Amino acid sequence: MVGVQGKSLVVEPVTRIEGEARIIITLDDAGRVNNVYYQVLELRGFEAFCRGRLAEEMPRISQTICGVCSVAHHMASAKAVDRLFGREPTETATKIRELVHNIYMIDDHLLHLAVMALADLLAERSSELRGLVDVARKYPEVVKRLISARYITTSIIKKICGRTVHVPIAIPGGVSRKLSKEDLEFIEKSLRELRGHLQYTLELFKSALSKSQRLQELSKREDYELKTYYLGLVSEDGSLNFYDGVLKIVDYRGSEVATFKPEDYTKYITERYEEWSYSKFPYLTIVGWRGIEEEGIVRVGSLARLNVSSRVPTEWASEEYKEMIDFFGGGKVINNTLAYHWARLIENIYALEVAEMITVEDRDLLISGEVVNLEGTPMYEGVGVVEAARGVLIHHYKTSLDFLVTEVNVITPTAINNAAINAQLKKIALRSHASPLVDEGLSSLVSDLEIAIRAFDPCNSCAAHVAGSRLIRVFIYDSRGNLLKVV
């Protein structure tokens, strides 16, 4: 519990997110919002129990951090282990990894849209749709299409990797198998079907945005905007890239702050802890820690990736991105948090186009190329960086001379976004809910806060389960911290 004076309202759990968290709202004596905290509750200690493991086991072990983001952890870990052993993956291996990673991005974005975000996007009022079941009753065709799309993405991952979760595809210096002609025929057919579903979801969102006054107002509200820095992975030419490249930082106006190699991340990113959260608070070293203040913090994820990229290098996704920019006023950088949803849908199109290009342009390489490089000079240290669905994911390992892991550091995108989530909640609460909270005002505040959280799509490692109809508990404390009432 946060050591604060005055009354506290605790929203527990935060619904429709991956993992378990709560919101603590502190009030003054008049019942007005004083501050808001987004508190991550899990403690897993994953880095500690990886010490002493064989380095080559890390791509397999690390992906068990999360069942939703497992492919991203697998790929980041594999890239770290590649460097640790000094083995440059073969061209075939790189293409297979990139293909799997792009399909994973689509799959993860679809999962978030269907289970977490859809009710926020389709509801005509905040209390109308509580979750996927309500959406399925009112929009059965929408849910059917999303489930069909995810069936396709998971089928492609299973075809390439052997299973859909905790995939055994990447090994030091390569991958465990090449693709067959039959594999490619299946993938190409699946991608053609997936294209129709992704177009449907994108048009669904744009239709909802054009018809819903509520959604338009939310997308224009000043309190949903954060003037932060942005961090993302880009190709050497500055274009959007999920799997490889350099890290780039821009400010909220779009001015470039720094571009650096992933292995140099420690020069630009520093981690700190706050006593009230189990999640770290990474910040930009060149900016310094200024507390939970929007102009001093950094964001990652779908919106950040588009903001830092000089261009989207595929035709369809590029056209859709231009439409999004026009909607938000024509500036290169978009700062509205709810734009994360639109950005994910554009990224789905981009990832599809990349997957299509790989299967066509690199067909012979995927079928007949070498899948693993066994040569190299050991470095005994490696950094692997990819874009997970939620943003920049960093794995950093050090080993002994016999390749036993001695140090592990994993920086997740939700940790990087932690300060931004807290800043966003505080801004919404102080600007739009300045009056003393009563029942209706509290309900409205909680709805606004949860909508903002779900736009970030935080992943706190393990799923939150909410049973029954009581989704929110409010704990009321006196000024000495004594619990007075649970509502």
Protein backbone atom coordinates (compact mmCIF):
# COMPACT_ATOMS: atom_id res chain seq x y z
CA MET A 1 0.00 0.00 0.00
CA VAL A 2 1.21 3.52 -0.77
CA GLY A 3 2.13 5.56 2.26
CA VAL A 4 -0.08 8.60 1.68
CA GLN A 5 -2.31 10.85 3.77
CA GLY A 6 -6.03 11.12 3.23
CA LYS A 7 -8.47 8.66 1.74
CA SER A 8 -7.48 6.07 -0.84
CA LEU A 9 -9.63 4.32 -3.42
CA VAL A 10 -8.24 1.04 -4.73
CA VAL A 11 -9.44 -0.37 -8.05
CA GLU A 12 -8.53 -4.04 -7.98
CA PRO A 13 -8.14 -5.73 -10.34
CA VAL A 14 -7.72 -3.65 -13.48
CA THR A 15 -9.85 -5.56 -15.96
CA ARG A 16 -9.05 -6.81 -19.45
CA ILE A 17 -5.28 -6.62 -19.23
CA GLU A 18 -2.64 -9.34 -19.34
CA GLY A 19 -1.50 -9.83 -15.77
CA GLU A 20 -2.54 -8.41 -12.44
CA ALA A 21 -2.46 -4.77 -11.41
CA ARG A 22 -4.49 -2.26 -9.46
CA ILE A 23 -5.10 1.47 -9.45
CA ILE A 24 -4.70 3.44 -6.23
CA ILE A 25 -6.47 6.81 -6.22
CA THR A 26 -5.58 9.12 -3.35
CA LEU A 27 -8.05 11.85 -2.36
CA ASP A 28 -7.84 15.03 -0.34
CA ASP A 29 -10.23 15.79 2.51
CA ALA A 30 -12.76 17.27 0.07
CA GLY A 31 -12.86 14.04 -1.94
CA ARG A 32 -10.93 15.41 -4.92
CA VAL A 33 -8.24 13.36 -6.66
CA ASN A 34 -4.77 13.97 -5.29
CA ASN A 35 -2.75 11.37 -7.20
CA VAL A 36 -3.14 8.09 -9.08
CA TYR A 37 -0.83 5.07 -9.03
CA TYR A 38 -0.73 2.09 -11.38
CA GLN A 39 0.60 -0.70 -9.19
CA VAL A 40 1.96 -3.94 -10.67
CA LEU A 41 1.46 -6.72 -8.14
CA GLU A 42 3.41 -9.74 -9.41
CA LEU A 43 6.91 -10.66 -8.34
CA ARG A 44 8.44 -13.50 -10.34
CA GLY A 45 12.20 -13.05 -9.97
CA PHE A 46 12.81 -14.56 -13.40
CA GLU A 47 16.27 -13.11 -13.91
CA ALA A 48 17.52 -14.60 -10.64
CA PHE A 49 16.56 -18.19 -11.35
CA CYS A 50 18.16 -18.08 -14.82
CA ARG A 51 21.61 -17.73 -13.29
CA GLY A 52 23.60 -20.94 -13.57
CA ARG A 53 21.67 -22.17 -16.61
CA LEU A 54 23.36 -23.23 -19.82
CA ALA A 55 23.38 -20.28 -22.20
CA GLU A 56 21.96 -22.31 -25.09
CA GLU A 57 18.88 -23.07 -22.98
CA MET A 58 17.94 -19.42 -22.57
CA PRO A 59 15.81 -19.07 -25.75
CA ARG A 60 13.73 -22.00 -24.52
CA ILE A 61 13.54 -20.92 -20.88
CA SER A 62 13.06 -17.18 -21.33
CA GLN A 63 9.93 -17.49 -23.44
CA THR A 64 8.12 -19.01 -20.45
CA ILE A 65 8.10 -15.50 -18.95
CA CYS A 66 4.78 -15.10 -20.76
CA GLY A 67 2.43 -17.24 -22.82
CA VAL A 68 1.19 -14.26 -24.81
CA CYS A 69 4.57 -12.69 -25.64
CA SER A 70 6.52 -15.96 -25.77
CA VAL A 71 7.69 -15.60 -29.38
CA ALA A 72 9.11 -12.13 -28.73
CA HIS A 73 11.06 -13.34 -25.69
CA HIS A 74 12.25 -16.35 -27.70
CA MET A 75 13.58 -14.14 -30.50
CA ALA A 76 15.20 -11.52 -28.26
CA SER A 77 16.84 -14.27 -26.23
CA ALA A 78 18.05 -16.08 -29.37
CA LYS A 79 19.64 -12.87 -30.68
CA ALA A 80 21.41 -12.37 -27.34
CA VAL A 81 22.70 -15.95 -27.41
CA ASP A 82 23.84 -15.57 -31.04
CA ARG A 83 26.11 -12.72 -29.99
CA LEU A 84 27.19 -14.50 -26.83
CA PHE A 85 28.48 -17.47 -28.87
CA GLY A 86 29.70 -15.19 -31.65
CA ARG A 87 27.56 -16.95 -34.24
CA GLU A 88 25.97 -14.87 -36.99
CA PRO A 89 22.72 -16.58 -38.04
CA THR A 90 22.51 -17.75 -41.63
CA GLU A 91 20.41 -15.79 -44.10
CA THR A 92 17.83 -18.59 -44.17
CA ALA A 93 17.61 -18.66 -40.38
CA THR A 94 17.18 -14.88 -40.20
CA LYS A 95 14.35 -14.96 -42.75
CA ILE A 96 12.55 -17.81 -40.94
CA ARG A 97 12.87 -16.02 -37.61
CA GLU A 98 11.62 -12.77 -39.14
CA LEU A 99 8.67 -14.57 -40.74
CA VAL A 100 7.65 -16.15 -37.43
CA HIS A 101 8.11 -12.87 -35.57
CA ASN A 102 5.89 -10.90 -37.95
CA ILE A 103 3.13 -13.51 -37.74
CA TYR A 104 3.41 -13.39 -33.94
CA MET A 105 2.95 -9.59 -34.03
CA ILE A 106 -0.30 -9.98 -35.95
CA ASP A 107 -1.48 -12.73 -33.60
CA ASP A 108 -0.75 -10.70 -30.48
CA HIS A 109 -2.38 -7.54 -31.83
CA LEU A 110 -5.48 -9.55 -32.79
CA LEU A 111 -5.65 -11.05 -29.31
CA HIS A 112 -5.53 -7.62 -27.72
CA LEU A 113 -8.15 -6.27 -30.09
CA ALA A 114 -10.56 -9.15 -29.57
CA VAL A 115 -10.27 -9.78 -25.84
CA MET A 116 -9.05 -6.50 -24.35
CA ALA A 117 -9.87 -3.51 -26.55
CA LEU A 118 -12.92 -4.31 -28.65
CA ALA A 119 -15.46 -3.40 -25.97
CA ASP A 120 -13.80 0.02 -25.55
CA LEU A 121 -13.88 0.67 -29.30
CA LEU A 122 -17.43 -0.48 -30.07
CA ALA A 123 -19.30 0.67 -26.96
CA GLU A 124 -21.62 3.63 -27.47
CA ARG A 125 -21.28 4.48 -23.78
CA SER A 126 -18.68 3.45 -21.22
CA SER A 127 -20.80 0.90 -19.34
CA GLU A 128 -22.44 -0.75 -22.37
CA LEU A 129 -19.92 -3.50 -23.15
CA ARG A 130 -17.96 -5.09 -20.33
CA GLY A 131 -15.91 -7.58 -22.33
CA LEU A 132 -15.73 -10.18 -25.08
CA VAL A 133 -18.96 -11.94 -24.07
CA ASP A 134 -20.97 -8.72 -24.33
CA VAL A 135 -19.33 -7.91 -27.67
CA ALA A 136 -20.07 -11.41 -28.98
CA ARG A 137 -23.75 -11.02 -28.12
CA LYS A 138 -24.06 -7.68 -29.90
CA TYR A 139 -21.52 -8.17 -32.70
CA PRO A 140 -21.24 -11.93 -33.32
CA GLU A 141 -19.83 -11.56 -36.83
CA VAL A 142 -17.02 -9.32 -35.59
CA VAL A 143 -15.93 -11.82 -32.95
CA LYS A 144 -16.21 -14.69 -35.42
CA ARG A 145 -13.90 -12.93 -37.88
CA LEU A 146 -11.33 -12.15 -35.19
CA ILE A 147 -11.32 -15.73 -33.94
CA SER A 148 -10.91 -16.97 -37.51
CA ALA A 149 -7.99 -14.59 -38.04
CA ARG A 150 -6.24 -15.80 -34.89
CA TYR A 151 -6.79 -19.40 -35.92
CA ILE A 152 -4.86 -18.62 -39.11
CA THR A 153 -1.95 -16.91 -37.33
CA THR A 154 -1.58 -19.67 -34.75
CA SER A 155 -1.78 -22.29 -37.50
CA ILE A 156 1.09 -20.62 -39.38
CA ILE A 157 3.23 -20.47 -36.24
CA LYS A 158 2.48 -24.13 -35.52
CA LYS A 159 3.33 -25.13 -39.10
CA ILE A 160 6.74 -23.47 -38.89
CA CYS A 161 7.63 -24.08 -35.24
CA GLY A 162 5.79 -27.27 -34.31
CA ARG A 163 3.56 -25.61 -31.73
CA THR A 164 1.92 -22.26 -31.11
CA VAL A 165 3.24 -21.31 -27.66
CA HIS A 166 6.81 -21.59 -26.33
CA VAL A 167 8.11 -22.37 -29.79
CA PRO A 168 11.32 -24.45 -30.25
CA ILE A 169 12.49 -22.81 -33.48
CA ALA A 170 15.51 -20.57 -32.71
CA ILE A 171 18.87 -22.05 -31.70
CA PRO A 172 22.30 -20.39 -31.33
CA GLY A 173 23.33 -19.26 -34.78
CA GLY A 174 20.16 -20.26 -36.57
CA VAL A 175 16.92 -22.20 -36.47
CA SER A 176 16.07 -25.84 -35.91
CA ARG A 177 14.57 -26.52 -39.34
CA LYS A 178 14.09 -25.21 -42.86
CA LEU A 179 10.71 -25.03 -44.59
CA SER A 180 9.36 -27.48 -47.14
CA LYS A 181 7.46 -26.66 -50.32
CA GLU A 182 4.31 -27.94 -48.59
CA ASP A 183 4.97 -25.63 -45.64
CA LEU A 184 5.24 -22.62 -47.94
CA GLU A 185 2.12 -23.53 -49.88
CA PHE A 186 0.20 -23.72 -46.60
CA ILE A 187 1.64 -20.40 -45.39
CA GLU A 188 0.90 -18.60 -48.66
CA LYS A 189 -2.69 -19.87 -48.70
CA SER A 190 -3.12 -18.86 -45.05
CA LEU A 191 -1.75 -15.36 -45.69
CA ARG A 192 -4.26 -14.83 -48.51
CA GLU A 193 -7.09 -15.70 -46.12
CA LEU A 194 -5.58 -13.56 -43.37
CA ARG A 195 -5.42 -10.53 -45.66
CA GLY A 196 -9.22 -10.44 -45.90
CA HIS A 197 -9.67 -10.68 -42.13
CA LEU A 198 -7.15 -7.90 -41.45
CA GLN A 199 -8.81 -5.62 -43.97
CA TYR A 200 -12.13 -6.33 -42.24
CA THR A 201 -10.78 -5.41 -38.78
CA LEU A 202 -9.20 -2.21 -40.08
CA GLU A 203 -12.40 -1.11 -41.84
CA LEU A 204 -14.38 -2.03 -38.72
CA PHE A 205 -12.25 0.31 -36.63
CA LYS A 206 -12.43 3.18 -39.12
CA SER A 207 -16.19 2.74 -39.41
CA ALA A 208 -16.58 2.81 -35.62
CA LEU A 209 -14.40 5.91 -35.45
CA SER A 210 -16.43 7.73 -38.09
CA LYS A 211 -19.81 6.87 -36.51
CA SER A 212 -19.07 7.06 -32.79
CA GLN A 213 -19.15 10.53 -31.25
CA ARG A 214 -17.81 9.01 -28.02
CA LEU A 215 -14.79 7.47 -29.74
CA GLN A 216 -14.07 10.67 -31.65
CA GLU A 217 -14.21 12.71 -28.45
CA LEU A 218 -11.88 10.30 -26.65
CA SER A 219 -9.44 10.43 -29.56
CA LYS A 220 -9.35 14.24 -29.35
CA ARG A 221 -9.32 14.70 -25.58
CA GLU A 222 -6.31 16.64 -24.38
CA ASP A 223 -6.00 14.59 -21.20
CA TYR A 224 -5.34 11.45 -23.30
CA GLU A 225 -2.29 13.12 -24.85
CA LEU A 226 1.19 12.77 -23.40
CA LYS A 227 4.15 14.83 -24.61
CA THR A 228 6.76 12.12 -24.11
CA TYR A 229 9.86 10.79 -25.78
CA TYR A 230 9.47 7.72 -28.01
CA LEU A 231 11.79 4.74 -28.45
CA GLY A 232 11.65 2.13 -31.19
CA LEU A 233 13.58 -0.21 -33.46
CA VAL A 234 14.12 0.96 -37.04
CA SER A 235 16.04 -0.31 -40.06
CA GLU A 236 19.35 1.33 -40.98
CA ASP A 237 17.42 3.62 -43.35
CA GLY A 238 15.04 4.64 -40.55
CA SER A 239 12.03 2.62 -41.73
CA LEU A 240 9.74 0.51 -39.55
CA ASN A 241 11.21 -2.86 -38.53
CA PHE A 242 10.08 -5.36 -35.90
CA TYR A 243 13.02 -7.79 -35.88
CA ASP A 244 16.32 -6.03 -36.55
CA GLY A 245 18.01 -2.65 -36.84
CA VAL A 246 19.02 0.22 -34.55
CA LEU A 247 17.20 1.92 -31.69
CA LYS A 248 15.97 5.46 -32.23
CA ILE A 249 14.66 8.10 -29.80
CA VAL A 250 12.56 11.11 -30.81
CA ASP A 251 10.81 13.75 -28.72
CA TYR A 252 7.12 14.60 -28.84
CA ARG A 253 7.68 17.01 -31.72
CA GLY A 254 9.46 14.35 -33.80
CA SER A 255 12.99 15.71 -33.41
CA GLU A 256 15.62 12.97 -33.30
CA VAL A 257 17.35 12.70 -29.94
CA ALA A 258 19.61 9.68 -30.50
CA THR A 259 20.12 6.61 -32.66
CA PHE A 260 22.23 3.76 -31.31
CA LYS A 261 23.07 0.09 -31.65
CA PRO A 262 21.08 -2.30 -29.41
CA GLU A 263 24.25 -3.45 -27.63
CA ASP A 264 24.81 0.16 -26.49
CA TYR A 265 21.45 0.40 -24.71
CA THR A 266 23.07 0.76 -21.26
CA LYS A 267 24.40 4.18 -22.32
CA TYR A 268 20.87 5.41 -23.03
CA ILE A 269 18.52 3.51 -20.71
CA THR A 270 18.75 3.41 -16.91
CA GLU A 271 16.47 1.43 -14.60
CA ARG A 272 15.12 2.47 -11.23
CA TYR A 273 12.67 1.13 -8.69
CA GLU A 274 9.76 2.62 -6.78
CA GLU A 275 8.80 1.06 -3.46
CA TRP A 276 5.12 0.82 -4.39
CA SER A 277 5.53 -1.32 -7.54
CA TYR A 278 7.20 -4.62 -8.43
CA SER A 279 7.83 -3.30 -11.95
CA LYS A 280 10.95 -1.36 -12.84
CA PHE A 281 10.85 2.23 -14.12
CA PRO A 282 13.36 2.52 -17.01
CA TYR A 283 14.13 6.06 -18.16
CA LEU A 284 16.35 7.79 -20.71
CA THR A 285 19.80 8.42 -19.25
CA ILE A 286 20.34 11.50 -21.41
CA VAL A 287 17.14 13.04 -20.02
CA GLY A 288 17.47 11.87 -16.43
CA TRP A 289 14.75 10.83 -13.99
CA ARG A 290 12.28 13.66 -13.46
CA GLY A 291 9.63 11.63 -11.69
CA ILE A 292 6.24 10.84 -13.21
CA GLU A 293 6.23 13.89 -15.47
CA GLU A 294 5.23 13.39 -19.09
CA GLU A 295 7.90 15.48 -20.80
CA GLY A 296 10.68 13.53 -19.09
CA ILE A 297 9.52 9.97 -19.72
CA VAL A 298 9.61 7.64 -22.71
CA ARG A 299 7.03 5.43 -24.43
CA VAL A 300 7.34 2.32 -26.58
CA GLY A 301 4.86 0.19 -28.52
CA SER A 302 2.88 0.48 -31.72
CA LEU A 303 2.41 4.25 -31.59
CA ALA A 304 6.04 4.83 -30.64
CA ARG A 305 7.25 2.64 -33.51
CA LEU A 306 5.34 4.70 -36.06
CA ASN A 307 6.47 7.94 -34.43
CA VAL A 308 10.18 7.07 -34.61
CA SER A 309 10.09 5.55 -38.12
CA SER A 310 10.98 7.74 -41.08
CA ARG A 311 8.54 5.72 -43.19
CA VAL A 312 6.45 2.56 -43.31
CA PRO A 313 8.17 0.57 -46.09
CA THR A 314 5.18 -1.39 -47.42
CA GLU A 315 2.54 -0.01 -49.75
CA TRP A 316 -0.79 -0.79 -48.08
CA ALA A 317 0.35 -0.05 -44.53
CA SER A 318 1.96 3.21 -45.67
CA GLU A 319 -1.34 4.39 -47.18
CA GLU A 320 -3.22 3.53 -43.99
CA TYR A 321 -0.64 5.35 -41.87
CA LYS A 322 -1.10 8.53 -43.93
CA GLU A 323 -4.83 8.37 -43.21
CA MET A 324 -4.14 8.06 -39.49
CA ILE A 325 -1.79 11.07 -39.56
CA ASP A 326 -4.43 13.17 -41.33
CA PHE A 327 -7.05 12.28 -38.71
CA PHE A 328 -4.81 13.47 -35.87
CA GLY A 329 -3.98 16.78 -37.52
CA GLY A 330 -1.23 16.03 -40.02
CA GLY A 331 1.80 16.12 -37.72
CA LYS A 332 4.43 13.38 -38.00
CA VAL A 333 4.25 12.56 -34.29
CA ILE A 334 0.93 11.54 -32.72
CA ASN A 335 0.79 11.90 -28.93
CA ASN A 336 -2.76 10.67 -28.19
CA THR A 337 -2.61 7.43 -26.21
CA LEU A 338 -5.75 6.01 -27.84
CA ALA A 339 -3.93 6.12 -31.18
CA TYR A 340 -2.11 2.98 -30.02
CA HIS A 341 -5.18 0.99 -31.16
CA TRP A 342 -5.11 2.37 -34.70
CA ALA A 343 -1.34 1.91 -34.87
CA ARG A 344 -1.70 -1.80 -34.05
CA LEU A 345 -4.11 -2.30 -36.93
CA ILE A 346 -1.70 -0.57 -39.31
CA GLU A 347 1.12 -2.74 -37.99
CA ASN A 348 -0.97 -5.82 -38.73
CA ILE A 349 -1.07 -4.77 -42.38
CA TYR A 350 2.67 -4.07 -42.40
CA ALA A 351 3.50 -7.44 -40.81
CA LEU A 352 1.27 -9.23 -43.32
CA GLU A 353 3.00 -7.51 -46.23
CA VAL A 354 6.44 -8.38 -44.83
CA ALA A 355 5.42 -12.03 -44.41
CA GLU A 356 4.07 -12.11 -47.97
CA MET A 357 7.33 -10.67 -49.33
CA ILE A 358 9.47 -13.18 -47.44
CA THR A 359 7.49 -16.17 -48.72
CA VAL A 360 7.68 -14.92 -52.32
CA GLU A 361 11.07 -13.23 -52.63
CA ASP A 362 13.00 -15.64 -50.40
CA ARG A 363 11.22 -18.85 -51.37
CA ASP A 364 14.32 -20.77 -52.51
CA LEU A 365 16.29 -19.59 -49.49
CA LEU A 366 13.59 -20.80 -47.07
CA ILE A 367 13.51 -24.24 -48.67
CA SER A 368 17.15 -25.01 -49.48
CA GLY A 369 19.39 -22.65 -47.49
CA GLU A 370 21.59 -23.49 -44.51
CA VAL A 371 19.68 -23.18 -41.25
CA VAL A 372 22.49 -22.86 -38.68
CA ASN A 373 25.98 -21.41 -38.40
CA LEU A 374 28.18 -23.35 -35.99
CA GLU A 375 31.27 -21.14 -36.38
CA GLY A 376 32.19 -18.05 -34.42
CA THR A 377 34.34 -16.50 -31.71
CA PRO A 378 32.67 -16.59 -28.26
CA MET A 379 31.99 -13.21 -26.68
CA TYR A 380 30.53 -14.50 -23.36
CA GLU A 381 28.10 -11.57 -23.40
CA GLY A 382 25.19 -10.79 -25.67
CA VAL A 383 22.34 -8.32 -26.11
CA GLY A 384 19.25 -9.18 -28.12
CA VAL A 385 16.58 -6.62 -29.01
CA VAL A 386 13.32 -7.03 -30.91
CA GLU A 387 10.04 -5.20 -31.02
CA ALA A 388 7.49 -7.17 -29.01
CA ALA A 389 3.85 -6.32 -29.64
CA ARG A 390 3.98 -3.89 -26.70
CA GLY A 391 7.31 -2.31 -27.61
CA VAL A 392 11.08 -2.62 -27.30
CA LEU A 393 12.17 -5.84 -25.58
CA ILE A 394 15.77 -6.24 -24.39
CA HIS A 395 17.54 -9.42 -23.26
CA HIS A 396 21.10 -9.07 -21.95
CA TYR A 397 23.16 -12.07 -20.79
CA LYS A 398 26.67 -12.65 -19.46
CA THR A 399 28.25 -16.09 -18.96
CA SER A 400 31.29 -17.81 -17.52
CA LEU A 401 33.93 -19.33 -19.81
CA ASP A 402 31.97 -22.59 -19.82
CA PHE A 403 28.80 -20.75 -20.94
CA LEU A 404 26.91 -20.88 -17.67
CA VAL A 405 24.76 -17.77 -17.25
CA THR A 406 26.10 -15.40 -14.61
CA GLU A 407 23.99 -12.27 -15.25
CA VAL A 408 20.57 -11.73 -16.82
CA ASN A 409 18.75 -8.48 -17.44
CA VAL A 410 15.40 -8.37 -19.20
CA ILE A 411 13.77 -5.00 -19.89
CA THR A 412 10.19 -5.41 -21.05
CA PRO A 413 8.09 -2.86 -22.93
CA THR A 414 5.50 -2.69 -20.16
CA ALA A 415 8.28 -1.75 -17.72
CA ILE A 416 9.46 1.00 -20.09
CA ASN A 417 5.86 2.24 -20.35
CA ASN A 418 5.32 2.06 -16.60
CA ALA A 419 6.05 5.74 -15.92
CA ALA A 420 3.94 6.77 -18.92
CA ILE A 421 0.95 4.75 -17.72
CA ASN A 422 1.16 6.42 -14.32
CA ALA A 423 1.52 9.87 -15.88
CA GLN A 424 -1.45 9.21 -18.16
CA LEU A 425 -3.73 8.13 -15.30
CA LYS A 426 -2.77 11.12 -13.19
CA LYS A 427 -3.40 13.53 -16.07
CA ILE A 428 -6.86 12.09 -16.78
CA ALA A 429 -7.85 12.13 -13.13
CA LEU A 430 -6.67 15.68 -12.40
CA ARG A 431 -7.89 17.33 -15.61
CA SER A 432 -11.21 15.61 -16.28
CA HIS A 433 -12.30 14.60 -12.78
CA ALA A 434 -11.36 17.62 -10.66
CA SER A 435 -14.68 17.68 -8.75
CA PRO A 436 -15.14 15.66 -5.55
CA LEU A 437 -15.88 12.04 -6.44
CA VAL A 438 -19.33 10.60 -5.85
CA ASP A 439 -20.72 7.29 -7.14
CA GLU A 440 -21.29 8.41 -10.73
CA GLY A 441 -18.07 10.38 -10.85
CA LEU A 442 -16.08 7.44 -9.50
CA SER A 443 -17.55 5.09 -12.09
CA SER A 444 -16.72 7.53 -14.88
CA LEU A 445 -13.18 8.01 -13.59
CA VAL A 446 -12.50 4.28 -13.34
CA SER A 447 -13.81 3.77 -16.87
CA ASP A 448 -11.58 6.53 -18.27
CA LEU A 449 -8.53 5.18 -16.43
CA GLU A 450 -9.04 1.59 -17.57
CA ILE A 451 -9.58 2.67 -21.18
CA ALA A 452 -6.22 4.45 -21.06
CA ILE A 453 -4.46 1.47 -19.51
CA ARG A 454 -5.83 -0.94 -22.11
CA ALA A 455 -4.62 1.36 -24.90
CA PHE A 456 -1.06 0.68 -23.69
CA ASP A 457 -1.87 -3.07 -23.63
CA PRO A 458 0.29 -3.76 -20.56
CA CYS A 459 1.46 -7.33 -19.99
CA ASN A 460 2.29 -8.18 -16.38
CA SER A 461 3.46 -11.74 -17.15
CA CYS A 462 0.53 -13.81 -15.97
CA ALA A 463 -3.19 -13.52 -16.54
CA ALA A 464 -5.62 -11.77 -14.20
CA HIS A 465 -8.77 -13.79 -13.50
CA VAL A 466 -11.95 -11.97 -12.51
CA ALA A 467 -14.76 -14.18 -11.24
CA GLY A 468 -18.38 -13.17 -10.86
CA SER A 469 -19.92 -9.76 -11.44
CA ARG A 470 -17.96 -7.79 -8.83
CA LEU A 471 -15.17 -6.42 -11.01
CA ILE A 472 -14.07 -3.57 -8.75
CA ARG A 473 -13.43 -3.30 -5.02
CA VAL A 474 -12.97 0.13 -3.45
CA PHE A 475 -10.96 0.28 -0.20
CA ILE A 476 -11.54 3.42 1.89
CA TYR A 477 -8.84 4.36 4.45
CA ASP A 478 -8.69 7.12 7.03
CA SER A 479 -5.84 9.65 7.21
CA ARG A 480 -3.81 7.24 9.40
CA GLY A 481 -4.04 4.44 6.84
CA ASN A 482 -6.65 2.42 8.75
CA LEU A 483 -9.11 0.49 6.58
CA LEU A 484 -12.61 1.86 7.16
CA LYS A 485 -14.73 0.17 4.53
CA VAL A 486 -14.60 -2.13 1.52
CA VAL A 487 -17.21 -1.39 -1.17
